[in-house]
Amino acid sequence: MTRKFTKPDYIATPNIQISLGEAIPANHLARFIVDMVAQLDLNPIYKRYGVRGGEATAPEALLAVIFYGYSTGKFSSRKIERATYEDLGFRFVAGGLHPDHDTIANFRKTFLPELKGLFVQILLLAQLSGVFKIGNLSLDGSKIHADASKSKAVSYGRLKELETTLREEVARLFEMGEQADQGDVELPEGLVIQDEIAFRRERLENLATAKAVLDARAKERYESEKAEYDAKMKEREAKARKRHHTCPGGRCQGKPRGKEPKPPEEGPSDKDQYNFTDPDSRIMKNSTNNGYDQHYNAQVAVTQNSMFIVATSLSNHPNDKQEAEPTLDAFPAELGQPKGVAMDNGYFSASNIEATEERGIEPYIATGREAHYKRVEDLLGNLPEKPAADASPKEKMAYKLATDIGKEIYRLRKCTVEPVIGIIKEIMGFRQFSLRGLRNVAGEWCLVCLAFNLKRMHSIWIAQVLY
């Protein structure tokens, strides 16, 4: 007996009528995003449109396709345009429209400043719906690839070599021009001396700009490293004095233990690099492969009770030491007042502790890497000796983290902010910016975090409906 099979009819298939209402279930992310956009106040965007011009695509349709694109891993305006024809979810959020990629890209870039307001509005809607409450925060950052290639970067040492070479070539071209005017030499056909000189002078101007940027970065880096060096030396001196005073009979010398910190060097290094594709980006070390690439340093502050991103910031600083204050400053006052914030040891400094406390937030910042080996006292949960009133900020913070509340708040850091960054990179697939320049990239990072919050809010809503 021969088994029967149901075969596809590829002739009739192109004529099948599809109802989006049936194809897109009621709990689909596309429907959720359309409903959320409908609740947003878009007057600041509408006010920026001129009264004249052709019929424009409504901002709510463009916002919906961009939000849905970033939520589902489509960040290219060309891919979003194509998806409005091929993807049922995109056809739904576009409302039957098919905005071209230029319109999508220009809208995204033009209204980046308004995204911050929309970011806050969505958080307020989530708060009003009871999805999350402000409590303690976890703060962390990650390096994200810039839209720039390492092949378009040049080191400070190479800049100086190129500058010398170009100046020599300009002088030689001037000499050749004078000789040609006097009839001493005959120039090759097609060679225009003035054009060649102008070309090299333009390159010299570009090199001068690059050098000025690297000089400014080196000065900023030196000031930061000098402050950190002074703090370390002050801490060593305090430990030496304490050791001298506590030594029996005062026989111990007041020399600090351990290797003395190396003072920072002024001026740019020959290895410092400038990228001509995106000058604001910087060479940073990859945490995944120990290599170096063009990156930006993206920061997020996440609620520990519900894993919503409530503050974002972005810079081109290679380390996180200077990123705590800008991120805390980005926290919307409309959401309330956070109680505390947990950060890893990359943020630790006396100034960050002071700045956090000035904002009415209790800091819980790791003072060093977590030890793999634990003493018996640590396993038993015994508190170390309470530091004196004149103890260093590091000693006081170490004691605070050893308390039950300190352990609990800092423990939640790893299982809140780190998974959020992992979801953005691995699930949403955002690993490279589409825009260039610090201002534009910061706006796109806000858009990414806004899309994450929409996905998070949708997931919680689905869980509440089902369970």
Protein backbone atom coordinates (compact mmCIF):
# COMPACT_ATOMS: atom_id res chain seq x y z
CA MET A 1 0.00 0.00 0.00
CA THR A 2 1.43 3.36 -1.06
CA ARG A 3 1.41 6.16 1.51
CA LYS A 4 -0.38 9.39 0.50
CA PHE A 5 1.17 12.84 0.79
CA THR A 6 -0.36 16.30 0.78
CA LYS A 7 1.61 18.27 -1.81
CA PRO A 8 2.05 22.07 -1.92
CA ASP A 9 0.36 24.00 -4.70
CA TYR A 10 2.91 26.60 -5.75
CA ILE A 11 0.66 27.84 -8.54
CA ALA A 12 -2.18 28.78 -6.20
CA THR A 13 0.07 29.92 -3.33
CA PRO A 14 0.86 33.41 -4.76
CA ASN A 15 -2.88 34.14 -4.90
CA ILE A 16 -3.58 33.31 -1.24
CA GLN A 17 -5.13 36.27 0.61
CA ILE A 18 -3.54 36.83 4.04
CA SER A 19 -5.29 38.76 6.79
CA LEU A 20 -2.79 40.52 9.05
CA GLY A 21 -5.36 40.44 11.83
CA GLU A 22 -5.26 36.65 11.76
CA ALA A 23 -1.54 36.31 11.06
CA ILE A 24 -0.47 38.63 13.91
CA PRO A 25 -1.74 37.23 17.26
CA ALA A 26 -3.16 39.56 19.89
CA ASN A 27 -0.06 39.21 22.12
CA HIS A 28 2.45 39.83 19.31
CA LEU A 29 5.28 42.34 19.84
CA ALA A 30 4.19 44.25 16.73
CA ARG A 31 0.74 44.96 18.19
CA PHE A 32 2.30 45.90 21.54
CA ILE A 33 4.66 48.44 19.95
CA VAL A 34 1.85 50.03 17.90
CA ASP A 35 -0.23 50.38 21.09
CA MET A 36 2.73 51.90 22.97
CA VAL A 37 3.51 54.44 20.23
CA ALA A 38 -0.16 55.47 20.20
CA GLN A 39 0.17 56.48 23.88
CA LEU A 40 3.28 58.64 23.40
CA ASP A 41 3.17 62.43 23.17
CA LEU A 42 4.66 63.11 19.71
CA ASN A 43 4.01 66.87 19.66
CA PRO A 44 7.76 67.73 19.97
CA ILE A 45 8.35 65.74 16.76
CA TYR A 46 5.36 67.12 14.87
CA LYS A 47 6.39 70.70 15.74
CA ARG A 48 9.68 70.26 13.88
CA TYR A 49 7.93 69.60 10.57
CA GLY A 50 7.50 72.60 8.24
CA VAL A 51 4.08 73.74 7.09
CA ARG A 52 5.09 73.36 3.45
CA GLY A 53 6.20 70.36 1.46
CA GLY A 54 4.84 67.14 0.06
CA GLU A 55 2.83 64.58 1.98
CA ALA A 56 5.10 63.14 4.68
CA THR A 57 4.99 59.73 6.34
CA ALA A 58 3.43 60.04 9.81
CA PRO A 59 6.01 60.01 12.64
CA GLU A 60 4.11 57.27 14.51
CA ALA A 61 4.56 54.89 11.56
CA LEU A 62 8.28 55.64 11.29
CA LEU A 63 8.78 55.32 15.05
CA ALA A 64 6.91 52.02 15.07
CA VAL A 65 9.03 50.46 12.31
CA ILE A 66 12.27 51.74 13.89
CA PHE A 67 11.31 50.53 17.39
CA TYR A 68 10.21 47.17 16.01
CA GLY A 69 13.37 46.93 13.90
CA TYR A 70 15.71 47.56 16.83
CA SER A 71 13.66 45.22 19.04
CA THR A 72 13.95 42.36 16.54
CA GLY A 73 17.57 42.85 15.44
CA LYS A 74 17.11 44.87 12.23
CA PHE A 75 19.13 48.08 12.52
CA SER A 76 19.80 48.88 8.85
CA SER A 77 17.33 51.28 7.22
CA ARG A 78 17.58 49.26 3.99
CA LYS A 79 16.71 46.02 5.81
CA ILE A 80 13.80 47.74 7.55
CA GLU A 81 12.47 49.04 4.22
CA ARG A 82 12.68 45.56 2.67
CA ALA A 83 11.01 44.04 5.73
CA THR A 84 7.93 46.27 5.27
CA TYR A 85 7.30 44.21 2.10
CA GLU A 86 8.47 40.76 3.22
CA ASP A 87 7.80 40.53 7.00
CA LEU A 88 4.26 40.41 8.37
CA GLY A 89 5.26 42.05 11.66
CA PHE A 90 6.84 44.99 9.84
CA ARG A 91 3.85 45.28 7.50
CA PHE A 92 1.64 45.58 10.58
CA VAL A 93 3.70 48.22 12.43
CA ALA A 94 4.12 50.19 9.17
CA GLY A 95 0.33 50.31 8.83
CA GLY A 96 0.45 49.26 5.19
CA LEU A 97 3.04 51.94 4.31
CA HIS A 98 6.45 51.28 2.78
CA PRO A 99 8.77 54.17 3.77
CA ASP A 100 12.02 54.08 1.79
CA HIS A 101 15.38 53.66 3.52
CA ASP A 102 16.35 57.32 3.04
CA THR A 103 13.21 58.45 4.85
CA ILE A 104 13.84 56.00 7.70
CA ALA A 105 17.53 56.93 8.02
CA ASN A 106 16.89 60.69 7.89
CA PHE A 107 14.06 60.44 10.42
CA ARG A 108 16.21 58.43 12.82
CA LYS A 109 19.12 60.87 12.59
CA THR A 110 16.99 64.03 12.65
CA PHE A 111 14.98 63.16 15.74
CA LEU A 112 17.71 61.65 17.91
CA PRO A 113 17.34 64.49 20.49
CA GLU A 114 13.63 63.65 20.92
CA LEU A 115 14.39 60.00 21.69
CA LYS A 116 15.41 60.84 25.26
CA GLY A 117 11.94 62.23 25.95
CA LEU A 118 10.30 59.13 24.42
CA PHE A 119 12.63 56.92 26.50
CA VAL A 120 11.33 58.60 29.67
CA GLN A 121 7.69 58.44 28.51
CA ILE A 122 7.91 54.67 28.00
CA LEU A 123 9.43 54.23 31.47
CA LEU A 124 6.64 56.33 32.99
CA LEU A 125 4.03 54.17 31.21
CA ALA A 126 5.73 51.05 32.59
CA GLN A 127 5.78 52.57 36.06
CA LEU A 128 2.11 53.57 35.90
CA SER A 129 1.15 50.06 34.81
CA GLY A 130 2.93 48.67 37.88
CA VAL A 131 5.57 46.82 35.88
CA PHE A 132 8.45 48.20 37.93
CA LYS A 133 9.33 50.42 40.86
CA ILE A 134 12.49 52.39 41.52
CA GLY A 135 14.64 50.76 44.18
CA ASN A 136 18.30 49.86 43.89
CA LEU A 137 20.20 50.14 40.61
CA SER A 138 23.03 48.20 38.98
CA LEU A 139 25.42 50.10 36.72
CA ASP A 140 27.78 48.68 34.13
CA GLY A 141 29.18 49.35 30.67
CA SER A 142 30.32 47.56 27.55
CA LYS A 143 32.47 48.31 24.53
CA ILE A 144 30.47 48.42 21.27
CA HIS A 145 32.06 48.57 17.84
CA ALA A 146 31.99 51.92 16.03
CA ASP A 147 31.15 52.28 12.35
CA ALA A 148 34.83 52.74 11.59
CA SER A 149 37.64 50.51 10.35
CA LYS A 150 41.06 50.13 11.93
CA SER A 151 42.53 50.50 8.43
CA LYS A 152 41.40 54.14 8.49
CA ALA A 153 43.29 54.84 11.72
CA VAL A 154 46.76 56.32 12.06
CA SER A 155 49.05 56.41 15.09
CA TYR A 156 50.56 59.56 16.59
CA GLY A 157 54.04 58.37 15.66
CA ARG A 158 52.95 57.80 12.05
CA LEU A 159 51.30 61.25 12.01
CA LYS A 160 54.64 62.89 12.76
CA GLU A 161 56.36 60.87 10.02
CA LEU A 162 53.67 61.76 7.46
CA GLU A 163 53.81 65.42 8.43
CA THR A 164 57.58 65.52 7.84
CA THR A 165 57.25 63.69 4.51
CA LEU A 166 54.46 65.97 3.23
CA ARG A 167 56.36 69.15 4.16
CA GLU A 168 59.40 67.87 2.28
CA GLU A 169 57.25 67.05 -0.76
CA VAL A 170 55.63 70.50 -0.74
CA ALA A 171 59.07 72.15 -0.63
CA ARG A 172 60.24 69.94 -3.50
CA LEU A 173 57.14 70.74 -5.59
CA PHE A 174 57.71 74.47 -5.09
CA GLU A 175 61.28 74.01 -6.26
CA MET A 176 60.15 72.03 -9.32
CA GLY A 177 57.62 74.76 -10.16
CA GLU A 178 60.28 77.47 -10.07
CA GLN A 179 62.59 75.39 -12.25
CA ALA A 180 59.77 74.78 -14.74
CA ASP A 181 58.98 78.51 -14.89
CA GLN A 182 62.63 79.23 -15.71
CA GLY A 183 62.72 76.50 -18.33
CA ASP A 184 65.33 74.42 -16.51
CA VAL A 185 63.12 71.31 -16.34
CA GLU A 186 60.17 69.98 -18.31
CA LEU A 187 57.26 68.69 -16.25
CA PRO A 188 55.53 65.40 -17.20
CA GLU A 189 52.30 65.74 -19.16
CA GLY A 190 49.26 66.12 -16.88
CA LEU A 191 51.25 67.19 -13.82
CA VAL A 192 49.81 70.39 -12.29
CA ILE A 193 52.13 71.64 -9.56
CA GLN A 194 49.52 73.81 -7.81
CA ASP A 195 47.02 70.94 -7.60
CA GLU A 196 49.63 68.64 -6.05
CA ILE A 197 50.65 71.31 -3.54
CA ALA A 198 47.00 71.99 -2.61
CA PHE A 199 46.40 68.26 -2.14
CA ARG A 200 49.33 67.92 0.27
CA ARG A 201 48.42 71.06 2.17
CA GLU A 202 44.91 69.70 2.71
CA ARG A 203 46.40 66.47 4.06
CA LEU A 204 48.65 68.53 6.37
CA GLU A 205 45.58 70.33 7.72
CA ASN A 206 43.88 66.98 8.37
CA LEU A 207 46.99 65.71 10.14
CA ALA A 208 47.14 68.87 12.25
CA THR A 209 43.51 68.32 13.30
CA ALA A 210 44.27 64.70 14.20
CA LYS A 211 47.32 65.74 16.25
CA ALA A 212 45.31 68.37 18.12
CA VAL A 213 42.64 65.77 19.03
CA LEU A 214 45.27 63.29 20.24
CA ASP A 215 47.02 66.02 22.25
CA ALA A 216 43.71 66.93 23.94
CA ARG A 217 42.96 63.27 24.69
CA ALA A 218 46.44 62.80 26.14
CA LYS A 219 45.95 65.81 28.42
CA GLU A 220 42.57 64.48 29.60
CA ARG A 221 44.06 61.04 30.19
CA TYR A 222 47.03 62.47 32.12
CA GLU A 223 44.79 64.50 34.43
CA SER A 224 42.66 61.42 35.15
CA GLU A 225 45.67 59.14 35.72
CA LYS A 226 47.40 61.81 37.83
CA ALA A 227 44.37 62.08 40.13
CA GLU A 228 44.27 58.28 40.46
CA TYR A 229 48.04 58.17 41.10
CA ASP A 230 47.80 60.85 43.81
CA ALA A 231 44.94 58.94 45.48
CA LYS A 232 46.99 55.71 45.51
CA MET A 233 50.05 57.49 46.93
CA LYS A 234 47.90 59.12 49.63
CA GLU A 235 46.47 55.72 50.55
CA ARG A 236 49.97 54.18 50.73
CA GLU A 237 51.18 56.96 53.00
CA ALA A 238 48.16 56.51 55.27
CA LYS A 239 48.81 52.75 55.51
CA ALA A 240 52.49 53.39 56.28
CA ARG A 241 51.64 55.80 59.11
CA LYS A 242 49.09 53.35 60.53
CA ARG A 243 51.60 50.48 60.40
CA HIS A 244 54.24 52.63 62.11
CA HIS A 245 51.90 53.64 64.94
CA THR A 246 50.55 50.12 65.55
CA CYS A 247 53.97 48.43 65.48
CA PRO A 248 55.07 47.27 69.01
CA GLY A 249 57.60 49.71 70.42
CA GLY A 250 57.48 51.77 67.24
CA ARG A 251 60.35 49.70 65.83
CA CYS A 252 58.72 49.24 62.36
CA GLN A 253 59.71 51.60 59.65
CA GLY A 254 56.93 53.58 58.01
CA LYS A 255 57.75 52.34 54.50
CA PRO A 256 54.65 51.28 52.52
CA ARG A 257 54.42 47.66 51.44
CA GLY A 258 54.12 46.58 47.83
CA LYS A 259 55.35 48.05 44.58
CA GLU A 260 55.11 51.81 44.33
CA PRO A 261 52.66 53.02 41.63
CA LYS A 262 54.25 54.38 38.47
CA PRO A 263 53.51 58.06 37.86
CA PRO A 264 51.71 58.84 34.58
CA GLU A 265 53.54 60.37 31.64
CA GLU A 266 52.42 63.57 29.98
CA GLY A 267 51.77 63.90 26.26
CA PRO A 268 50.46 61.43 23.69
CA SER A 269 52.11 58.09 23.09
CA ASP A 270 53.36 57.18 19.63
CA LYS A 271 50.80 54.34 19.69
CA ASP A 272 47.80 56.62 20.30
CA GLN A 273 45.51 56.43 17.26
CA TYR A 274 43.11 58.70 15.38
CA ASN A 275 40.43 57.35 13.04
CA PHE A 276 39.54 59.43 9.99
CA THR A 277 36.21 57.60 9.39
CA ASP A 278 34.81 58.33 12.85
CA PRO A 279 37.22 60.61 14.72
CA ASP A 280 35.20 60.43 17.95
CA SER A 281 35.68 56.66 18.26
CA ARG A 282 38.78 55.23 19.92
CA ILE A 283 40.89 52.11 19.87
CA MET A 284 39.83 50.02 22.88
CA LYS A 285 40.63 46.55 24.11
CA ASN A 286 38.11 43.79 23.37
CA SER A 287 37.10 41.78 26.41
CA THR A 288 36.24 38.78 24.22
CA ASN A 289 39.47 38.18 22.29
CA ASN A 290 42.05 40.48 23.93
CA GLY A 291 42.36 42.35 20.63
CA TYR A 292 41.91 46.05 19.90
CA ASP A 293 39.31 47.77 17.73
CA GLN A 294 37.38 51.02 17.17
CA HIS A 295 34.79 51.23 19.94
CA TYR A 296 32.57 53.41 22.07
CA ASN A 297 31.99 52.84 25.79
CA ALA A 298 28.23 52.39 26.35
CA GLN A 299 26.77 52.56 29.87
CA VAL A 300 23.44 51.50 31.41
CA ALA A 301 21.81 51.73 34.83
CA VAL A 302 19.30 48.91 35.44
CA THR A 303 16.69 48.45 38.16
CA GLN A 304 17.48 45.42 40.31
CA ASN A 305 13.85 44.49 40.90
CA SER A 306 12.66 44.39 37.27
CA MET A 307 15.70 44.76 34.96
CA PHE A 308 14.55 47.93 33.18
CA ILE A 309 17.15 50.33 31.79
CA VAL A 310 16.49 53.65 33.51
CA ALA A 311 19.59 55.66 32.51
CA THR A 312 22.09 55.58 29.65
CA SER A 313 25.29 57.35 28.73
CA LEU A 314 28.05 56.91 26.18
CA SER A 315 31.63 58.12 25.83
CA ASN A 316 34.91 57.34 24.09
CA HIS A 317 36.80 56.76 27.36
CA PRO A 318 38.57 53.37 27.42
CA ASN A 319 37.78 52.68 31.11
CA ASP A 320 34.71 53.15 33.32
CA LYS A 321 36.23 55.35 36.01
CA GLN A 322 34.64 58.55 34.63
CA GLU A 323 31.31 57.03 33.59
CA ALA A 324 29.44 56.76 36.91
CA GLU A 325 28.50 60.43 37.22
CA PRO A 326 27.23 60.96 33.64
CA THR A 327 25.10 57.82 33.88
CA LEU A 328 23.60 58.81 37.25
CA ASP A 329 22.98 62.32 35.91
CA ALA A 330 20.99 60.78 33.04
CA PHE A 331 18.52 59.19 35.48
CA PRO A 332 15.09 60.85 34.92
CA ALA A 333 13.92 62.73 38.00
CA GLU A 334 10.30 61.95 37.04
CA LEU A 335 10.80 58.30 37.99
CA GLY A 336 11.63 59.00 41.63
CA GLN A 337 14.76 58.59 43.73
CA PRO A 338 16.93 55.44 43.64
CA LYS A 339 17.98 54.06 47.02
CA GLY A 340 21.36 52.58 46.12
CA VAL A 341 23.57 51.63 43.17
CA ALA A 342 25.95 48.69 42.74
CA MET A 343 29.06 49.01 40.54
CA ASP A 344 32.10 46.82 39.92
CA ASN A 345 35.67 47.73 40.86
CA GLY A 346 36.24 49.51 37.54
CA TYR A 347 34.22 52.44 38.93
CA PHE A 348 35.86 52.61 42.33
CA SER A 349 37.26 55.96 43.39
CA ALA A 350 36.76 58.30 46.32
CA SER A 351 35.29 60.92 43.96
CA ASN A 352 32.68 58.47 42.63
CA ILE A 353 31.65 57.54 46.18
CA GLU A 354 31.30 61.21 47.09
CA ALA A 355 29.43 62.07 43.87
CA THR A 356 26.96 59.22 44.37
CA GLU A 357 26.26 60.19 47.98
CA GLU A 358 25.75 63.84 46.96
CA ARG A 359 22.90 62.64 44.71
CA GLY A 360 21.22 60.96 47.66
CA ILE A 361 22.11 57.46 46.44
CA GLU A 362 23.92 54.90 48.59
CA PRO A 363 26.97 53.55 46.69
CA TYR A 364 28.04 49.89 46.74
CA ILE A 365 31.23 49.79 44.70
CA ALA A 366 33.63 46.85 44.69
CA THR A 367 37.10 47.78 45.94
CA GLY A 368 38.86 45.03 43.98
CA ARG A 369 38.34 41.75 42.18
CA GLU A 370 36.39 39.11 44.06
CA ALA A 371 38.76 36.51 45.50
CA HIS A 372 38.34 32.90 44.36
CA TYR A 373 39.72 31.66 47.69
CA LYS A 374 37.67 32.50 50.78
CA ARG A 375 38.90 32.35 54.33
CA VAL A 376 36.98 30.46 57.01
CA GLU A 377 35.90 33.79 58.51
CA ASP A 378 34.40 34.77 55.14
CA LEU A 379 32.57 31.45 54.83
CA LEU A 380 31.11 31.92 58.31
CA GLY A 381 29.95 35.40 57.36
CA ASN A 382 31.90 37.09 60.15
CA LEU A 383 32.18 40.83 59.68
CA PRO A 384 35.67 42.34 59.60
CA GLU A 385 36.62 44.88 62.21
CA LYS A 386 34.64 48.08 61.78
CA PRO A 387 36.88 50.78 60.29
CA ALA A 388 37.74 53.88 62.28
CA ALA A 389 36.18 57.25 61.51
CA ASP A 390 39.39 58.40 59.81
CA ALA A 391 39.72 55.21 57.71
CA SER A 392 40.17 55.50 53.94
CA PRO A 393 37.13 55.39 51.61
CA LYS A 394 38.37 52.01 50.36
CA GLU A 395 38.37 50.50 53.88
CA LYS A 396 34.92 51.89 54.64
CA MET A 397 33.49 50.60 51.35
CA ALA A 398 35.03 47.15 51.88
CA TYR A 399 33.31 46.96 55.27
CA LYS A 400 29.98 48.10 53.81
CA LEU A 401 30.13 45.38 51.13
CA ALA A 402 30.84 42.78 53.84
CA THR A 403 27.57 43.55 55.62
CA ASP A 404 24.43 41.53 54.82
CA ILE A 405 22.75 44.40 52.96
CA GLY A 406 25.94 45.18 51.08
CA LYS A 407 26.38 41.55 49.99
CA GLU A 408 22.75 41.29 48.86
CA ILE A 409 22.74 44.50 46.80
CA TYR A 410 26.11 43.83 45.18
CA ARG A 411 25.20 40.18 44.50
CA LEU A 412 22.23 41.34 42.41
CA ARG A 413 24.52 43.37 40.14
CA LYS A 414 25.74 40.31 38.25
CA CYS A 415 22.26 38.92 37.66
CA THR A 416 20.66 42.20 36.55
CA VAL A 417 22.82 44.57 34.53
CA GLU A 418 25.14 41.95 33.00
CA PRO A 419 22.25 39.88 31.55
CA VAL A 420 20.72 43.08 30.13
CA ILE A 421 23.91 43.87 28.21
CA GLY A 422 24.09 40.23 27.13
CA ILE A 423 20.52 40.33 25.77
CA ILE A 424 21.26 43.53 23.82
CA LYS A 425 24.33 41.98 22.22
CA GLU A 426 23.33 38.33 21.80
CA ILE A 427 19.51 38.26 21.53
CA MET A 428 18.87 41.62 19.87
CA GLY A 429 22.15 41.29 17.98
CA PHE A 430 23.34 44.88 18.47
CA ARG A 431 27.13 44.83 18.19
CA GLN A 432 27.91 47.84 15.99
CA PHE A 433 26.57 51.37 15.70
CA SER A 434 25.06 52.51 12.40
CA LEU A 435 25.76 56.20 13.01
CA ARG A 436 28.99 58.12 13.49
CA GLY A 437 30.05 60.87 15.85
CA LEU A 438 29.71 60.96 19.64
CA ARG A 439 26.37 62.82 19.67
CA ASN A 440 24.72 60.60 17.05
CA VAL A 441 26.06 57.39 18.57
CA ALA A 442 24.81 58.40 22.04
CA GLY A 443 21.36 58.95 20.52
CA GLU A 444 21.42 55.55 18.83
CA TRP A 445 22.43 53.90 22.12
CA CYS A 446 19.40 55.53 23.77
CA LEU A 447 17.27 54.06 20.94
CA VAL A 448 18.72 50.59 21.55
CA CYS A 449 17.94 50.82 25.28
CA LEU A 450 14.43 52.11 24.52
CA ALA A 451 13.87 49.06 22.28
CA PHE A 452 15.12 46.78 25.06
CA ASN A 453 12.64 48.32 27.52
CA LEU A 454 9.81 47.72 25.05
CA LYS A 455 10.81 44.06 24.74
CA ARG A 456 11.11 43.76 28.51
CA MET A 457 7.73 45.38 29.11
CA HIS A 458 6.15 43.12 26.47
CA SER A 459 7.67 40.00 28.05
CA ILE A 460 6.34 40.92 31.51
CA TRP A 461 2.91 41.67 30.03
CA ILE A 462 2.84 38.29 28.27
CA ALA A 463 3.83 36.54 31.51
CA GLN A 464 1.03 38.31 33.40
CA VAL A 465 -1.54 37.38 30.75
CA LEU A 466 -0.50 33.73 30.61
CA TYR A 467 0.12 33.13 34.29
